[in-house]
């Protein structure tokens, strides 16, 4: 019988940032549903520092930032409890910059949720924006809610594909895959393990470019097969499919695959000695172009 590796690093609250933008509103709806599925509290956070910066870019933010922030978190709380009656919601207005405010609220075990596009506060995803900086430095998972797949509508109805897509290639990705497996199990969905390779990469320590594409493909398939076996053993009953793609662009292939998923899960290798270090190019590309919400999970 398999062992279910429940991860206590992710059993804290779901924390969502709001800034009055449509992207933040979508993030609140997604976060409320996620908190309910995990049976954990929802925390709604607004940074008045970022509201002040966005006052000229978003209509309605010309009032004092503290007053506006209180109204925004109250409206978000009301929307969350309408979508999920009985949900435990706490709100706070912080004077800290948005990434710090979200990280503080989430602690070491919470999950942060932000919108994909907004006023330039929590939700913006231009280079150097709060969204990217939060995903790059947070201790726990960060979900960027973008696209329409897997995002509940204001009425609480969302498009569902029944699939959680996760990128993985070797044993270092197991924590990321387990996060995806737990997400799929909560949703009663399946996991699609996606691995992309090209001739410009080495598929493993025992395979070199001189071995040719067949040997590299075989090594890639063997590595993915080992990951799949681990997931099936640890999560009995979970459907795990493999998708191994030879492609010149892993990012492009993942963007295309994300159109058929409710959630895309990616790993982030961020050095402990360099908090806030930039994310890799593939993760960066998916945060900009994915068709569904993207969860960035830190490798441990």
C-alpha atoms as a PDB file:
ATOM      1  CA  UNK A   1       0.000   0.000   0.000  1.00  0.00           C
ATOM      2  CA  UNK A   2       1.371   3.440  -0.934  1.00  0.00           C
ATOM      3  CA  UNK A   3       2.271   6.205   1.455  1.00  0.00           C
ATOM      4  CA  UNK A   4       0.653   9.592   0.983  1.00  0.00           C
ATOM      5  CA  UNK A   5       3.306  12.246   1.559  1.00  0.00           C
ATOM      6  CA  UNK A   6       1.245  15.066   3.044  1.00  0.00           C
ATOM      7  CA  UNK A   7       3.366  18.222   3.103  1.00  0.00           C
ATOM      8  CA  UNK A   8       3.077  20.251   6.282  1.00  0.00           C
ATOM      9  CA  UNK A   9       4.917  23.082   4.545  1.00  0.00           C
ATOM     10  CA  UNK A  10       1.671  23.877   2.681  1.00  0.00           C
ATOM     11  CA  UNK A  11      -0.955  23.496   5.413  1.00  0.00           C
ATOM     12  CA  UNK A  12      -1.053  27.190   6.348  1.00  0.00           C
ATOM     13  CA  UNK A  13      -3.543  29.798   5.136  1.00  0.00           C
ATOM     14  CA  UNK A  14      -4.221  30.779   1.565  1.00  0.00           C
ATOM     15  CA  UNK A  15      -3.184  34.442   1.263  1.00  0.00           C
ATOM     16  CA  UNK A  16      -4.478  36.622  -1.559  1.00  0.00           C
ATOM     17  CA  UNK A  17      -3.415  40.143  -2.475  1.00  0.00           C
ATOM     18  CA  UNK A  18      -5.962  42.738  -3.584  1.00  0.00           C
ATOM     19  CA  UNK A  19      -5.473  46.109  -5.272  1.00  0.00           C
ATOM     20  CA  UNK A  20      -8.863  46.886  -6.821  1.00  0.00           C
ATOM     21  CA  UNK A  21      -8.026  45.406 -10.240  1.00  0.00           C
ATOM     22  CA  UNK A  22      -9.978  42.779 -12.217  1.00  0.00           C
ATOM     23  CA  UNK A  23      -6.967  40.463 -11.950  1.00  0.00           C
ATOM     24  CA  UNK A  24      -7.043  40.681  -8.171  1.00  0.00           C
ATOM     25  CA  UNK A  25     -10.786  39.967  -8.160  1.00  0.00           C
ATOM     26  CA  UNK A  26     -10.180  36.760 -10.121  1.00  0.00           C
ATOM     27  CA  UNK A  27      -7.415  35.865  -7.674  1.00  0.00           C
ATOM     28  CA  UNK A  28      -9.805  36.274  -4.722  1.00  0.00           C
ATOM     29  CA  UNK A  29     -12.316  33.894  -6.298  1.00  0.00           C
ATOM     30  CA  UNK A  30      -9.623  31.319  -7.014  1.00  0.00           C
ATOM     31  CA  UNK A  31      -8.119  31.669  -3.537  1.00  0.00           C
ATOM     32  CA  UNK A  32     -11.496  31.299  -1.820  1.00  0.00           C
ATOM     33  CA  UNK A  33     -12.156  28.040  -3.606  1.00  0.00           C
ATOM     34  CA  UNK A  34      -8.623  26.817  -2.859  1.00  0.00           C
ATOM     35  CA  UNK A  35      -8.941  27.631   0.848  1.00  0.00           C
ATOM     36  CA  UNK A  36     -12.260  25.788   1.017  1.00  0.00           C
ATOM     37  CA  UNK A  37     -10.785  22.715  -0.707  1.00  0.00           C
ATOM     38  CA  UNK A  38      -7.879  22.676   1.737  1.00  0.00           C
ATOM     39  CA  UNK A  39     -10.102  23.521   4.742  1.00  0.00           C
ATOM     40  CA  UNK A  40      -7.766  26.358   5.743  1.00  0.00           C
ATOM     41  CA  UNK A  41      -8.495  30.059   6.382  1.00  0.00           C
ATOM     42  CA  UNK A  42      -8.331  32.700   3.665  1.00  0.00           C
ATOM     43  CA  UNK A  43      -6.350  35.857   4.366  1.00  0.00           C
ATOM     44  CA  UNK A  44      -6.966  38.954   2.253  1.00  0.00           C
ATOM     45  CA  UNK A  45      -4.090  41.460   2.231  1.00  0.00           C
ATOM     46  CA  UNK A  46      -3.770  44.923   0.724  1.00  0.00           C
ATOM     47  CA  UNK A  47      -0.580  46.999   0.602  1.00  0.00           C
ATOM     48  CA  UNK A  48      -1.303  50.720   0.961  1.00  0.00           C
ATOM     49  CA  UNK A  49       2.203  51.446  -0.308  1.00  0.00           C
ATOM     50  CA  UNK A  50       1.377  49.801  -3.612  1.00  0.00           C
ATOM     51  CA  UNK A  51      -2.064  51.408  -3.746  1.00  0.00           C
ATOM     52  CA  UNK A  52      -0.421  54.803  -3.480  1.00  0.00           C
ATOM     53  CA  UNK A  53       1.884  53.945  -6.392  1.00  0.00           C
ATOM     54  CA  UNK A  54      -1.038  52.757  -8.508  1.00  0.00           C
ATOM     55  CA  UNK A  55      -3.373  55.673  -7.740  1.00  0.00           C
ATOM     56  CA  UNK A  56      -2.796  57.339 -11.095  1.00  0.00           C
ATOM     57  CA  UNK A  57      -3.191  54.116 -13.068  1.00  0.00           C
ATOM     58  CA  UNK A  58      -6.388  52.671 -11.632  1.00  0.00           C
ATOM     59  CA  UNK A  59      -9.657  54.644 -11.495  1.00  0.00           C
ATOM     60  CA  UNK A  60     -11.068  55.073  -8.007  1.00  0.00           C
ATOM     61  CA  UNK A  61      -7.748  55.067  -6.159  1.00  0.00           C
ATOM     62  CA  UNK A  62      -7.531  58.813  -5.715  1.00  0.00           C
ATOM     63  CA  UNK A  63      -8.722  58.594  -2.107  1.00  0.00           C
ATOM     64  CA  UNK A  64      -6.330  58.126   0.816  1.00  0.00           C
ATOM     65  CA  UNK A  65      -4.663  54.755   0.333  1.00  0.00           C
ATOM     66  CA  UNK A  66      -5.431  53.491   3.848  1.00  0.00           C
ATOM     67  CA  UNK A  67      -9.148  54.200   3.460  1.00  0.00           C
ATOM     68  CA  UNK A  68      -9.195  52.632   0.009  1.00  0.00           C
ATOM     69  CA  UNK A  69      -7.326  49.585   1.256  1.00  0.00           C
ATOM     70  CA  UNK A  70      -9.860  48.972   4.002  1.00  0.00           C
ATOM     71  CA  UNK A  71     -12.696  49.167   1.504  1.00  0.00           C
ATOM     72  CA  UNK A  72     -10.923  46.794  -0.883  1.00  0.00           C
ATOM     73  CA  UNK A  73     -10.292  44.074   1.705  1.00  0.00           C
ATOM     74  CA  UNK A  74     -13.877  44.394   2.986  1.00  0.00           C
ATOM     75  CA  UNK A  75     -15.246  43.983  -0.533  1.00  0.00           C
ATOM     76  CA  UNK A  76     -12.954  41.016  -1.155  1.00  0.00           C
ATOM     77  CA  UNK A  77     -14.078  39.360   2.087  1.00  0.00           C
ATOM     78  CA  UNK A  78     -17.707  39.828   1.094  1.00  0.00           C
ATOM     79  CA  UNK A  79     -17.082  38.359  -2.358  1.00  0.00           C
ATOM     80  CA  UNK A  80     -15.188  35.387  -0.958  1.00  0.00           C
ATOM     81  CA  UNK A  81     -17.891  34.476   1.554  1.00  0.00           C
ATOM     82  CA  UNK A  82     -20.590  34.830  -1.098  1.00  0.00           C
ATOM     83  CA  UNK A  83     -18.688  32.408  -3.304  1.00  0.00           C
ATOM     84  CA  UNK A  84     -17.890  30.033  -0.424  1.00  0.00           C
ATOM     85  CA  UNK A  85     -20.407  30.415   2.429  1.00  0.00           C
ATOM     86  CA  UNK A  86     -18.929  29.712   5.839  1.00  0.00           C
ATOM     87  CA  UNK A  87     -15.348  30.307   4.716  1.00  0.00           C
ATOM     88  CA  UNK A  88     -13.070  31.681   7.453  1.00  0.00           C
ATOM     89  CA  UNK A  89     -11.667  34.990   6.173  1.00  0.00           C
ATOM     90  CA  UNK A  90      -9.277  37.444   7.821  1.00  0.00           C
ATOM     91  CA  UNK A  91      -8.302  40.780   6.326  1.00  0.00           C
ATOM     92  CA  UNK A  92      -5.401  43.141   6.808  1.00  0.00           C
ATOM     93  CA  UNK A  93      -4.110  46.395   5.365  1.00  0.00           C
ATOM     94  CA  UNK A  94      -0.338  46.625   5.444  1.00  0.00           C
ATOM     95  CA  UNK A  95       2.073  49.527   5.123  1.00  0.00           C
ATOM     96  CA  UNK A  96       4.764  47.157   3.857  1.00  0.00           C
ATOM     97  CA  UNK A  97       5.572  46.637   0.167  1.00  0.00           C
ATOM     98  CA  UNK A  98       3.324  44.023  -1.369  1.00  0.00           C
ATOM     99  CA  UNK A  99       5.827  41.104  -1.548  1.00  0.00           C
ATOM    100  CA  UNK A 100       6.766  41.549   2.117  1.00  0.00           C
ATOM    101  CA  UNK A 101       3.136  41.920   3.207  1.00  0.00           C
ATOM    102  CA  UNK A 102       2.135  38.730   1.416  1.00  0.00           C
ATOM    103  CA  UNK A 103       5.138  36.777   2.687  1.00  0.00           C
ATOM    104  CA  UNK A 104       4.493  37.860   6.265  1.00  0.00           C
ATOM    105  CA  UNK A 105       0.843  36.811   6.072  1.00  0.00           C
ATOM    106  CA  UNK A 106       1.693  33.427   4.549  1.00  0.00           C
ATOM    107  CA  UNK A 107       4.585  32.603   6.863  1.00  0.00           C
ATOM    108  CA  UNK A 108       6.485  29.425   6.095  1.00  0.00           C
ATOM    109  CA  UNK A 109       3.458  27.206   5.421  1.00  0.00           C
ATOM    110  CA  UNK A 110       0.965  29.415   3.573  1.00  0.00           C
ATOM    111  CA  UNK A 111       0.259  29.731  -0.138  1.00  0.00           C
ATOM    112  CA  UNK A 112       0.230  33.159  -1.786  1.00  0.00           C
ATOM    113  CA  UNK A 113      -2.218  33.943  -4.598  1.00  0.00           C
ATOM    114  CA  UNK A 114      -1.929  36.975  -6.885  1.00  0.00           C
ATOM    115  CA  UNK A 115      -3.657  38.121 -10.042  1.00  0.00           C
ATOM    116  CA  UNK A 116      -1.906  38.101 -13.391  1.00  0.00           C
ATOM    117  CA  UNK A 117      -2.607  41.680 -14.372  1.00  0.00           C
ATOM    118  CA  UNK A 118      -3.641  44.613 -12.252  1.00  0.00           C
ATOM    119  CA  UNK A 119      -2.874  48.163 -11.319  1.00  0.00           C
ATOM    120  CA  UNK A 120       0.837  47.564 -11.039  1.00  0.00           C
ATOM    121  CA  UNK A 121       0.458  46.450  -7.428  1.00  0.00           C
ATOM    122  CA  UNK A 122       0.015  42.793  -6.484  1.00  0.00           C
ATOM    123  CA  UNK A 123      -1.057  41.704  -9.925  1.00  0.00           C
ATOM    124  CA  UNK A 124       1.332  43.252 -12.443  1.00  0.00           C
ATOM    125  CA  UNK A 125       3.699  40.888 -14.222  1.00  0.00           C
ATOM    126  CA  UNK A 126       6.041  43.231 -16.040  1.00  0.00           C
ATOM    127  CA  UNK A 127       9.751  42.611 -15.344  1.00  0.00           C
ATOM    128  CA  UNK A 128      10.507  43.688 -11.780  1.00  0.00           C
ATOM    129  CA  UNK A 129       6.821  43.846 -10.854  1.00  0.00           C
ATOM    130  CA  UNK A 130       5.305  42.770  -7.549  1.00  0.00           C
ATOM    131  CA  UNK A 131       3.875  39.613  -9.081  1.00  0.00           C
ATOM    132  CA  UNK A 132       7.234  38.386 -10.295  1.00  0.00           C
ATOM    133  CA  UNK A 133       9.082  39.490  -7.165  1.00  0.00           C
ATOM    134  CA  UNK A 134       6.581  37.689  -4.965  1.00  0.00           C
ATOM    135  CA  UNK A 135       6.896  34.478  -6.994  1.00  0.00           C
ATOM    136  CA  UNK A 136      10.679  34.742  -6.872  1.00  0.00           C
ATOM    137  CA  UNK A 137      11.094  35.278  -3.134  1.00  0.00           C
ATOM    138  CA  UNK A 138       8.182  33.682  -1.252  1.00  0.00           C
ATOM    139  CA  UNK A 139       8.944  30.818   1.139  1.00  0.00           C
ATOM    140  CA  UNK A 140       5.982  28.709   0.034  1.00  0.00           C
ATOM    141  CA  UNK A 141       4.033  28.194  -3.193  1.00  0.00           C
ATOM    142  CA  UNK A 142       2.845  31.224  -5.162  1.00  0.00           C
ATOM    143  CA  UNK A 143      -0.109  30.930  -7.538  1.00  0.00           C
ATOM    144  CA  UNK A 144      -0.504  33.486 -10.302  1.00  0.00           C
ATOM    145  CA  UNK A 145      -4.114  33.400 -11.496  1.00  0.00           C
ATOM    146  CA  UNK A 146      -4.235  34.033 -15.211  1.00  0.00           C
ATOM    147  CA  UNK A 147      -6.166  32.803 -18.243  1.00  0.00           C
ATOM    148  CA  UNK A 148      -9.734  31.527 -18.134  1.00  0.00           C
ATOM    149  CA  UNK A 149      -9.163  27.795 -17.681  1.00  0.00           C
ATOM    150  CA  UNK A 150      -9.551  26.780 -14.058  1.00  0.00           C
ATOM    151  CA  UNK A 151     -10.568  30.301 -12.978  1.00  0.00           C
ATOM    152  CA  UNK A 152     -14.041  30.500 -11.420  1.00  0.00           C
ATOM    153  CA  UNK A 153     -16.326  33.192 -12.783  1.00  0.00           C
ATOM    154  CA  UNK A 154     -18.041  35.787 -10.536  1.00  0.00           C
ATOM    155  CA  UNK A 155     -20.981  33.396 -10.418  1.00  0.00           C
ATOM    156  CA  UNK A 156     -18.689  30.692  -9.074  1.00  0.00           C
ATOM    157  CA  UNK A 157     -18.697  28.651 -12.270  1.00  0.00           C
ATOM    158  CA  UNK A 158     -15.382  27.966 -13.975  1.00  0.00           C
ATOM    159  CA  UNK A 159     -14.128  26.045 -16.970  1.00  0.00           C
ATOM    160  CA  UNK A 160     -12.585  22.769 -15.816  1.00  0.00           C
ATOM    161  CA  UNK A 161     -10.467  20.330 -17.807  1.00  0.00           C
ATOM    162  CA  UNK A 162     -10.002  17.832 -14.987  1.00  0.00           C
ATOM    163  CA  UNK A 163      -6.206  17.986 -15.345  1.00  0.00           C
ATOM    164  CA  UNK A 164      -3.324  19.368 -13.291  1.00  0.00           C
ATOM    165  CA  UNK A 165      -0.271  19.842 -15.508  1.00  0.00           C
ATOM    166  CA  UNK A 166       3.163  19.646 -13.888  1.00  0.00           C
ATOM    167  CA  UNK A 167       6.648  20.022 -15.300  1.00  0.00           C
ATOM    168  CA  UNK A 168       9.188  17.465 -14.089  1.00  0.00           C
ATOM    169  CA  UNK A 169      12.272  15.563 -15.229  1.00  0.00           C
ATOM    170  CA  UNK A 170      14.108  13.942 -12.319  1.00  0.00           C
ATOM    171  CA  UNK A 171      14.063  13.166  -8.597  1.00  0.00           C
ATOM    172  CA  UNK A 172      14.764  16.791  -7.669  1.00  0.00           C
ATOM    173  CA  UNK A 173      11.247  17.592  -8.883  1.00  0.00           C
ATOM    174  CA  UNK A 174       9.450  15.190  -6.520  1.00  0.00           C
ATOM    175  CA  UNK A 175       8.277  17.897  -4.089  1.00  0.00           C
ATOM    176  CA  UNK A 176       6.812  19.816  -7.020  1.00  0.00           C
ATOM    177  CA  UNK A 177       5.075  16.706  -8.340  1.00  0.00           C
ATOM    178  CA  UNK A 178       3.645  15.924  -4.897  1.00  0.00           C
ATOM    179  CA  UNK A 179       2.180  19.430  -4.705  1.00  0.00           C
ATOM    180  CA  UNK A 180       0.515  18.808  -8.075  1.00  0.00           C
ATOM    181  CA  UNK A 181      -0.748  15.398  -6.952  1.00  0.00           C
ATOM    182  CA  UNK A 182      -2.374  16.838  -3.840  1.00  0.00           C
ATOM    183  CA  UNK A 183      -3.978  19.598  -5.910  1.00  0.00           C
ATOM    184  CA  UNK A 184      -5.338  17.026  -8.364  1.00  0.00           C
ATOM    185  CA  UNK A 185      -6.675  14.804  -5.605  1.00  0.00           C
ATOM    186  CA  UNK A 186      -8.540  17.723  -4.004  1.00  0.00           C
ATOM    187  CA  UNK A 187     -10.088  18.539  -7.370  1.00  0.00           C
ATOM    188  CA  UNK A 188     -10.769  14.886  -8.193  1.00  0.00           C
ATOM    189  CA  UNK A 189      -8.627  15.442 -11.274  1.00  0.00           C
ATOM    190  CA  UNK A 190      -5.734  13.676 -12.954  1.00  0.00           C
ATOM    191  CA  UNK A 191      -2.056  14.640 -13.186  1.00  0.00           C
ATOM    192  CA  UNK A 192      -0.309  15.136 -16.508  1.00  0.00           C
ATOM    193  CA  UNK A 193       3.459  14.936 -16.040  1.00  0.00           C
ATOM    194  CA  UNK A 194       5.056  17.005 -18.791  1.00  0.00           C
ATOM    195  CA  UNK A 195       8.731  16.687 -19.720  1.00  0.00           C
ATOM    196  CA  UNK A 196      10.279  18.564 -22.629  1.00  0.00           C
ATOM    197  CA  UNK A 197      13.764  17.937 -23.996  1.00  0.00           C
ATOM    198  CA  UNK A 198      15.892  19.019 -26.921  1.00  0.00           C
ATOM    199  CA  UNK A 199      19.169  17.989 -28.518  1.00  0.00           C
ATOM    200  CA  UNK A 200      20.763  21.047 -26.921  1.00  0.00           C
ATOM    201  CA  UNK A 201      20.350  19.495 -23.472  1.00  0.00           C
ATOM    202  CA  UNK A 202      21.781  16.436 -21.769  1.00  0.00           C
ATOM    203  CA  UNK A 203      18.975  14.105 -20.705  1.00  0.00           C
ATOM    204  CA  UNK A 204      21.012  12.569 -17.894  1.00  0.00           C
ATOM    205  CA  UNK A 205      24.498  11.993 -16.516  1.00  0.00           C
ATOM    206  CA  UNK A 206      24.935   8.753 -18.476  1.00  0.00           C
ATOM    207  CA  UNK A 207      23.870  10.190 -21.840  1.00  0.00           C
ATOM    208  CA  UNK A 208      25.819  12.638 -23.991  1.00  0.00           C
ATOM    209  CA  UNK A 209      24.867  14.446 -27.164  1.00  0.00           C
ATOM    210  CA  UNK A 210      27.001  11.954 -29.092  1.00  0.00           C
ATOM    211  CA  UNK A 211      24.533   9.195 -28.216  1.00  0.00           C
ATOM    212  CA  UNK A 212      21.920  10.710 -30.520  1.00  0.00           C
ATOM    213  CA  UNK A 213      18.208  11.461 -30.116  1.00  0.00           C
ATOM    214  CA  UNK A 214      17.083   7.857 -29.568  1.00  0.00           C
ATOM    215  CA  UNK A 215      19.346   7.343 -26.568  1.00  0.00           C
ATOM    216  CA  UNK A 216      18.426  10.730 -25.122  1.00  0.00           C
ATOM    217  CA  UNK A 217      14.706  10.046 -25.605  1.00  0.00           C
ATOM    218  CA  UNK A 218      15.062   6.657 -23.919  1.00  0.00           C
ATOM    219  CA  UNK A 219      16.865   8.187 -20.943  1.00  0.00           C
ATOM    220  CA  UNK A 220      14.225  10.906 -20.654  1.00  0.00           C
ATOM    221  CA  UNK A 221      11.416   8.351 -20.770  1.00  0.00           C
ATOM    222  CA  UNK A 222      13.109   6.232 -18.109  1.00  0.00           C
ATOM    223  CA  UNK A 223      13.537   9.226 -15.784  1.00  0.00           C
ATOM    224  CA  UNK A 224       9.915  10.291 -16.215  1.00  0.00           C
ATOM    225  CA  UNK A 225       8.772   6.701 -15.722  1.00  0.00           C
ATOM    226  CA  UNK A 226      10.499   6.607 -12.343  1.00  0.00           C
ATOM    227  CA  UNK A 227       8.716   9.807 -11.286  1.00  0.00           C
ATOM    228  CA  UNK A 228       5.377   8.434 -12.407  1.00  0.00           C
ATOM    229  CA  UNK A 229       5.944   5.229 -10.448  1.00  0.00           C
ATOM    230  CA  UNK A 230       6.667   7.214  -7.281  1.00  0.00           C
ATOM    231  CA  UNK A 231       3.481   9.278  -7.630  1.00  0.00           C
ATOM    232  CA  UNK A 232       1.322   6.237  -8.298  1.00  0.00           C
ATOM    233  CA  UNK A 233       2.765   4.490  -5.244  1.00  0.00           C
ATOM    234  CA  UNK A 234       2.336   7.488  -2.937  1.00  0.00           C
ATOM    235  CA  UNK A 235      -1.105   8.518  -4.244  1.00  0.00           C
ATOM    236  CA  UNK A 236      -3.063   5.300  -4.877  1.00  0.00           C
ATOM    237  CA  UNK A 237      -5.990   5.805  -7.225  1.00  0.00           C
ATOM    238  CA  UNK A 238      -4.618   8.996  -8.760  1.00  0.00           C
ATOM    239  CA  UNK A 239      -4.454   8.920 -12.539  1.00  0.00           C
ATOM    240  CA  UNK A 240      -0.987  10.009 -13.701  1.00  0.00           C
ATOM    241  CA  UNK A 241      -0.286  10.418 -17.410  1.00  0.00           C
ATOM    242  CA  UNK A 242       3.083  11.070 -19.049  1.00  0.00           C
ATOM    243  CA  UNK A 243       3.757  13.554 -21.825  1.00  0.00           C
ATOM    244  CA  UNK A 244       7.365  13.524 -23.086  1.00  0.00           C
ATOM    245  CA  UNK A 245       7.980  16.047 -25.847  1.00  0.00           C
ATOM    246  CA  UNK A 246      10.997  16.648 -28.064  1.00  0.00           C
ATOM    247  CA  UNK A 247      10.799  20.365 -28.754  1.00  0.00           C
ATOM    248  CA  UNK A 248      13.041  23.338 -29.494  1.00  0.00           C
ATOM    249  CA  UNK A 249      11.073  25.385 -26.937  1.00  0.00           C
ATOM    250  CA  UNK A 250      10.019  23.894 -23.611  1.00  0.00           C
ATOM    251  CA  UNK A 251       8.272  27.152 -22.693  1.00  0.00           C
ATOM    252  CA  UNK A 252       6.291  27.211 -25.930  1.00  0.00           C
ATOM    253  CA  UNK A 253       5.210  23.605 -25.524  1.00  0.00           C
ATOM    254  CA  UNK A 254       4.101  24.207 -21.929  1.00  0.00           C
ATOM    255  CA  UNK A 255       2.138  27.300 -22.933  1.00  0.00           C
ATOM    256  CA  UNK A 256       0.304  25.224 -25.535  1.00  0.00           C
ATOM    257  CA  UNK A 257      -0.328  22.398 -23.046  1.00  0.00           C
ATOM    258  CA  UNK A 258      -1.641  24.846 -20.427  1.00  0.00           C
ATOM    259  CA  UNK A 259      -4.698  25.473 -22.606  1.00  0.00           C
ATOM    260  CA  UNK A 260      -5.882  22.005 -21.563  1.00  0.00           C
ATOM    261  CA  UNK A 261      -5.215  22.218 -17.808  1.00  0.00           C
ATOM    262  CA  UNK A 262      -6.876  23.671 -14.711  1.00  0.00           C
ATOM    263  CA  UNK A 263      -3.537  24.380 -13.044  1.00  0.00           C
ATOM    264  CA  UNK A 264       0.095  24.380 -14.160  1.00  0.00           C
ATOM    265  CA  UNK A 265       2.681  23.554 -11.478  1.00  0.00           C
ATOM    266  CA  UNK A 266       6.330  24.535 -11.957  1.00  0.00           C
ATOM    267  CA  UNK A 267       9.367  24.216  -9.730  1.00  0.00           C
ATOM    268  CA  UNK A 268      11.629  27.134  -8.855  1.00  0.00           C
ATOM    269  CA  UNK A 269      15.213  26.591  -7.808  1.00  0.00           C
ATOM    270  CA  UNK A 270      15.951  29.659  -5.729  1.00  0.00           C
ATOM    271  CA  UNK A 271      19.198  29.706  -3.715  1.00  0.00           C
ATOM    272  CA  UNK A 272      18.668  30.137   0.025  1.00  0.00           C
ATOM    273  CA  UNK A 273      21.512  32.649   0.034  1.00  0.00           C
ATOM    274  CA  UNK A 274      19.929  34.821  -2.664  1.00  0.00           C
ATOM    275  CA  UNK A 275      16.299  35.658  -1.770  1.00  0.00           C
ATOM    276  CA  UNK A 276      14.452  37.427  -4.531  1.00  0.00           C
ATOM    277  CA  UNK A 277      16.682  35.975  -7.250  1.00  0.00           C
ATOM    278  CA  UNK A 278      15.079  36.097 -10.687  1.00  0.00           C
ATOM    279  CA  UNK A 279      13.047  33.110 -11.838  1.00  0.00           C
ATOM    280  CA  UNK A 280      14.249  31.003 -14.746  1.00  0.00           C
ATOM    281  CA  UNK A 281      13.244  31.867 -18.324  1.00  0.00           C
ATOM    282  CA  UNK A 282      10.704  29.040 -18.649  1.00  0.00           C
ATOM    283  CA  UNK A 283       8.875  29.988 -15.441  1.00  0.00           C
ATOM    284  CA  UNK A 284       9.026  33.653 -16.414  1.00  0.00           C
ATOM    285  CA  UNK A 285       7.499  32.877 -19.828  1.00  0.00           C
ATOM    286  CA  UNK A 286       4.684  30.780 -18.333  1.00  0.00           C
ATOM    287  CA  UNK A 287       3.792  33.484 -15.818  1.00  0.00           C
ATOM    288  CA  UNK A 288       3.246  35.801 -18.786  1.00  0.00           C
ATOM    289  CA  UNK A 289       1.597  33.473 -21.298  1.00  0.00           C
ATOM    290  CA  UNK A 290      -0.046  30.469 -19.587  1.00  0.00           C
ATOM    291  CA  UNK A 291      -3.701  29.832 -20.377  1.00  0.00           C
ATOM    292  CA  UNK A 292      -4.414  28.692 -16.799  1.00  0.00           C
ATOM    293  CA  UNK A 293      -3.285  29.566 -13.257  1.00  0.00           C
ATOM    294  CA  UNK A 294       0.400  28.850 -12.562  1.00  0.00           C
ATOM    295  CA  UNK A 295       1.696  27.570  -9.214  1.00  0.00           C
ATOM    296  CA  UNK A 296       5.394  28.200  -8.611  1.00  0.00           C
ATOM    297  CA  UNK A 297       6.676  25.754  -5.984  1.00  0.00           C
ATOM    298  CA  UNK A 298      10.065  26.209  -4.420  1.00  0.00           C
ATOM    299  CA  UNK A 299      12.415  23.234  -4.549  1.00  0.00           C
ATOM    300  CA  UNK A 300      13.503  22.041  -1.089  1.00  0.00           C
END
